Protein backbone atom coordinates (compact mmCIF):
# COMPACT_ATOMS: atom_id res chain seq x y z
CA MET A 1 12.09 10.10 33.63
CA GLU A 2 15.91 11.04 33.28
CA LEU A 3 17.71 11.85 35.83
CA ALA A 4 21.66 12.25 37.46
CA TYR A 5 22.87 11.52 41.12
CA CYS A 6 26.09 11.53 42.94
CA GLY A 7 26.37 8.22 44.52
CA THR A 8 28.75 8.99 47.87
CA GLN A 9 25.94 8.83 50.18
CA TYR A 10 24.17 5.67 48.98
CA HIS A 11 24.32 2.59 48.81
CA GLY A 12 23.62 1.82 45.32
CA TRP A 13 20.69 2.58 43.03
CA GLN A 14 18.30 -0.53 44.33
CA ILE A 15 16.36 -0.64 46.88
CA GLN A 16 17.62 -3.20 49.63
CA ALA A 17 16.41 -3.79 53.33
CA ASN A 18 19.84 -2.38 55.18
CA GLY A 19 20.96 0.73 52.73
CA HIS A 20 19.60 4.08 51.68
CA SER A 21 19.23 4.06 48.12
CA VAL A 22 18.61 6.20 45.45
CA GLN A 23 16.10 4.46 43.83
CA SER A 24 14.18 4.66 47.30
CA GLU A 25 14.58 8.32 47.60
CA ILE A 26 12.86 8.95 44.03
CA GLU A 27 10.11 6.28 44.96
CA GLY A 28 9.36 7.69 48.28
CA ALA A 29 8.94 11.38 46.75
CA LEU A 30 6.93 10.48 43.32
CA SER A 31 4.90 8.64 46.03
CA ARG A 32 4.69 11.64 48.00
CA ARG A 33 4.09 14.06 44.86
CA LEU A 34 1.09 11.82 43.02
CA ARG A 35 -0.35 10.90 46.49
CA GLN A 36 -0.35 7.02 45.44
CA PRO A 37 2.41 4.57 45.47
CA VAL A 38 4.86 4.56 42.63
CA SER A 39 7.57 1.88 41.75
CA ILE A 40 10.51 2.75 39.29
CA LEU A 41 12.41 0.67 37.46
CA GLY A 42 16.22 2.08 36.33
CA SER A 43 18.11 1.00 33.24
CA GLY A 44 20.91 -0.47 35.47
CA ARG A 45 22.06 -0.85 38.71
CA THR A 46 24.99 1.06 40.22
CA ASP A 47 26.90 -0.18 43.17
CA ALA A 48 27.11 1.83 46.44
CA GLY A 49 29.20 5.06 45.95
CA VAL A 50 29.22 4.82 42.35
CA HIS A 51 27.60 8.22 40.24
CA ALA A 52 25.34 8.62 37.26
CA HIS A 53 25.59 11.38 34.68
CA GLN A 54 22.53 10.03 32.81
CA GLN A 55 20.08 7.59 34.36
CA TYR A 56 16.98 6.33 33.03
CA ALA A 57 14.14 4.88 35.14
CA HIS A 58 10.17 4.53 33.97
CA PHE A 59 6.93 3.86 36.09
CA ASP A 60 3.63 2.85 35.08
CA LEU A 61 0.64 5.21 35.94
CA PRO A 62 -3.22 4.29 35.72
CA GLU A 63 -3.68 8.00 34.21
CA PRO A 64 -1.26 10.08 31.99
CA LEU A 65 0.21 12.96 34.07
CA ASP A 66 -0.19 16.72 33.44
CA ASP A 67 2.12 19.48 33.73
CA LEU A 68 5.29 17.39 33.82
CA GLU A 69 7.58 20.76 34.19
CA GLN A 70 5.80 21.42 37.19
CA ILE A 71 5.94 17.90 38.59
CA THR A 72 9.57 17.81 37.96
CA TYR A 73 10.35 20.91 39.67
CA SER A 74 8.59 20.14 42.57
CA LEU A 75 10.21 16.43 42.76
CA ASN A 76 13.60 18.37 42.84
CA ALA A 77 12.38 20.45 45.76
CA MET A 78 11.78 17.32 48.02
CA LEU A 79 14.68 15.40 46.55
CA PRO A 80 17.83 15.71 48.59
CA PRO A 81 20.36 17.97 46.40
CA ASP A 82 22.74 15.01 45.33
CA ILE A 83 19.62 13.49 43.12
CA ALA A 84 18.42 15.60 40.15
CA ILE A 85 15.21 15.03 37.91
CA ARG A 86 16.17 16.39 34.56
CA ARG A 87 12.92 15.64 32.80
CA ILE A 88 9.85 13.46 33.04
CA PHE A 89 8.22 11.96 29.54
CA PRO A 90 5.62 9.63 28.19
CA VAL A 91 6.83 6.47 26.24
CA GLN A 92 4.80 3.63 25.09
CA PRO A 93 3.76 0.86 26.97
CA ASP A 94 6.04 -1.34 26.05
CA ASP A 95 9.11 0.69 26.24
CA HIS A 96 11.22 -0.42 29.13
CA ALA A 97 14.05 1.37 30.96
CA ARG A 98 16.23 -1.32 31.17
CA PHE A 99 15.35 -4.33 28.47
CA SER A 100 14.86 -1.09 25.84
CA ALA A 101 18.56 0.08 26.51
CA ILE A 102 21.07 -1.08 23.73
CA SER A 103 24.27 0.54 25.38
CA ARG A 104 25.52 2.05 28.51
CA TYR A 105 28.51 3.93 28.83
CA TYR A 106 30.97 4.29 31.76
CA GLN A 107 33.61 6.76 32.66
CA TYR A 108 36.38 5.98 35.21
CA ARG A 109 38.20 9.43 36.45
CA ILE A 110 41.67 9.43 37.56
CA THR A 111 43.34 12.43 39.31
CA ARG A 112 47.11 12.75 39.59
CA GLN A 113 47.12 15.14 42.26
CA LYS A 114 45.01 15.13 45.59
CA ASP A 115 41.84 17.18 44.66
CA ALA A 116 40.10 18.45 48.12
CA PHE A 117 37.09 19.12 45.99
CA ARG A 118 37.11 16.26 43.87
CA HIS A 119 37.91 13.21 46.29
CA MET A 120 34.42 11.52 46.08
CA GLN A 121 34.19 11.60 42.53
CA SER A 122 37.58 10.79 41.29
CA TYR A 123 40.37 8.09 42.24
CA TYR A 124 43.42 10.04 42.91
CA PHE A 125 46.28 7.70 42.05
CA ARG A 126 49.93 9.17 42.34
CA TYR A 127 51.87 6.29 41.04
CA PRO A 128 53.37 6.63 37.71
CA LEU A 129 51.40 4.83 34.63
CA ASP A 130 52.03 4.37 31.08
CA MET A 131 49.06 5.67 29.34
CA GLU A 132 50.02 3.90 25.96
CA ALA A 133 50.27 0.58 27.17
CA MET A 134 46.98 0.95 29.04
CA ASN A 135 45.11 1.66 25.99
CA GLN A 136 47.09 -1.52 24.03
CA ALA A 137 45.74 -3.62 26.45
CA ALA A 138 42.42 -1.93 26.72
CA ARG A 139 41.74 -2.64 22.78
CA VAL A 140 42.11 -6.39 23.41
CA LEU A 141 38.51 -6.22 25.03
CA LEU A 142 37.30 -5.39 21.84
CA GLU A 143 38.19 -8.76 20.45
CA HIS A 144 36.16 -10.86 23.14
CA THR A 145 32.98 -11.25 24.35
CA ASP A 146 32.86 -13.43 27.63
CA TYR A 147 34.16 -11.15 30.84
CA GLN A 148 33.57 -13.63 33.64
CA SER A 149 37.04 -12.62 34.72
CA PHE A 150 35.61 -9.12 35.69
CA SER A 151 32.44 -10.10 37.02
CA ARG A 152 31.75 -10.66 40.85
CA ALA A 153 32.08 -14.53 41.64
CA LYS A 154 28.18 -14.72 42.81
CA ALA A 155 26.85 -12.50 39.81
CA ALA A 156 23.39 -14.15 39.24
CA VAL A 157 23.38 -14.02 35.77
CA LYS A 158 22.70 -16.49 32.93
CA HIS A 159 25.95 -15.65 30.86
CA PHE A 160 28.75 -13.14 30.94
CA HIS A 161 28.81 -12.28 27.11
CA CYS A 162 28.98 -8.55 26.80
CA THR A 163 29.82 -6.44 23.41
CA ILE A 164 32.28 -4.02 24.21
CA ASP A 165 32.81 -1.46 21.08
CA ARG A 166 34.87 1.46 23.13
CA ALA A 167 37.70 0.98 25.55
CA GLU A 168 39.97 3.70 25.71
CA TRP A 169 42.12 6.02 27.99
CA LEU A 170 41.88 9.58 27.28
CA PRO A 171 44.06 12.76 28.95
CA GLU A 172 42.09 15.36 30.66
CA THR A 173 43.09 18.79 32.20
CA GLY A 174 46.50 18.57 33.76
CA ASP A 175 47.94 14.79 34.13
CA ASP A 176 44.10 13.44 35.22
CA LEU A 177 43.09 10.59 33.07
CA THR A 178 39.72 9.15 31.93
CA PHE A 179 38.90 5.64 31.13
CA HIS A 180 35.75 5.04 28.61
CA ILE A 181 33.83 2.18 28.35
CA ARG A 182 30.76 1.54 26.26
CA ALA A 183 29.01 -2.05 25.63
CA ASN A 184 25.29 -3.68 25.15
CA ARG A 185 25.66 -4.58 28.80
CA PHE A 186 27.72 -4.93 31.67
CA LEU A 187 28.39 -7.10 34.69
CA TRP A 188 28.08 -6.96 38.33
CA GLY A 189 31.81 -4.87 39.13
CA MET A 190 33.00 -5.34 35.34
CA VAL A 191 34.18 -1.84 35.08
CA ARG A 192 35.83 -1.24 38.23
CA ALA A 193 37.46 -4.93 37.60
CA ILE A 194 38.70 -3.89 34.14
CA VAL A 195 40.05 -0.25 35.62
CA GLY A 196 41.95 -2.31 38.55
CA THR A 197 43.33 -4.53 35.98
CA LEU A 198 44.52 -2.18 33.56
CA LEU A 199 46.28 0.29 36.26
CA GLU A 200 48.71 -3.04 37.17
CA VAL A 201 49.13 -2.96 33.09
CA GLY A 202 50.02 0.75 33.32
CA GLN A 203 52.47 0.30 36.02
CA GLY A 204 54.40 -2.60 34.44
CA ARG A 205 53.26 -5.15 36.59
CA MET A 206 51.25 -7.01 33.65
CA THR A 207 51.63 -7.25 29.87
CA THR A 208 48.95 -7.05 27.18
CA GLU A 209 49.16 -10.40 26.58
CA GLU A 210 49.09 -11.47 30.31
CA PHE A 211 46.43 -9.52 30.31
CA GLU A 212 44.14 -11.19 28.01
CA GLN A 213 45.35 -14.64 29.16
CA ILE A 214 43.01 -13.17 32.79
CA ILE A 215 39.93 -12.45 30.13
CA LEU A 216 40.84 -16.33 28.61
CA ALA A 217 40.93 -17.17 32.31
CA ARG A 218 36.84 -16.70 32.89
CA ASP A 219 38.27 -16.49 36.41
CA ARG A 220 37.19 -13.41 38.85
CA ARG A 221 40.77 -15.02 40.95
CA ALA A 222 43.20 -13.69 37.96
CA ALA A 223 42.04 -10.06 37.43
CA GLY A 224 43.31 -7.14 39.70
CA ARG A 225 41.38 -5.70 42.26
CA ALA A 226 38.53 -3.58 41.70
CA ALA A 227 39.32 0.14 41.49
CA PRO A 228 37.51 2.33 44.28
CA ALA A 229 34.21 3.17 43.42
CA SER A 230 34.27 7.05 43.56
CA GLY A 231 35.79 7.56 40.06
CA LEU A 232 32.69 5.60 38.42
CA PHE A 233 30.36 7.67 36.54
CA LEU A 234 27.61 6.03 34.58
CA PHE A 235 27.92 8.27 31.90
CA GLU A 236 25.18 7.89 29.15
CA VAL A 237 22.28 5.22 28.45
CA GLY A 238 21.42 4.71 24.85
CA TYR A 239 17.78 4.00 23.33
CA PRO A 240 16.66 3.18 19.85
CA ALA A 241 15.57 6.49 18.46
CA GLY A 242 12.02 7.54 19.59
CA ILE A 243 12.22 6.44 22.96
CA VAL A 244 14.18 9.45 25.01
């Protein structure tokens, strides 16, 4: 299934013992609609308060489903308004929402004026920023692969290597800014830590050379604070041709 959600009211994508998750909402609706227990697995795990413009998840059933359009419609009627199922479609048995994905593309949105209508889907940051300096530092990301300095310290991963093929700030309407970053994989908290550190560069508190030294340090304590979750969107998930 392809879906989207506003993450403001959720403790992230993944089911957890003491928090309300997007995954649990969808699994509950699917299980009621199909009258059988259904577990889903997403292309990645977004943190509490993070949004998804595009997310994919897969689930396995013993028999094919009929009338997928009607099932999609009824699921959307059952789900809260901040979760939307765009489509449900069959895939091959060995296709996997997480492990078949070849890229993830995130956007981080900053508003320069206080916005009463977008305060939960952007980060209001009023201080002056040098976008050219931030882009110069962002280009350094493309020259490295080890991003341990931007990963939460207790991340349960075998390695900290990612291949980033896009990292840039672009202006939006008015003075708003959006950071665009795409990679084959991301570490826990990576995008928010990168954004928070680049904002230090944009304020003149850090040079491009110092930003690169943070990458080389491989130490989360060297990087800046994480930017708030409200501005972060999982924007697009890429798969090989023929899967989605």
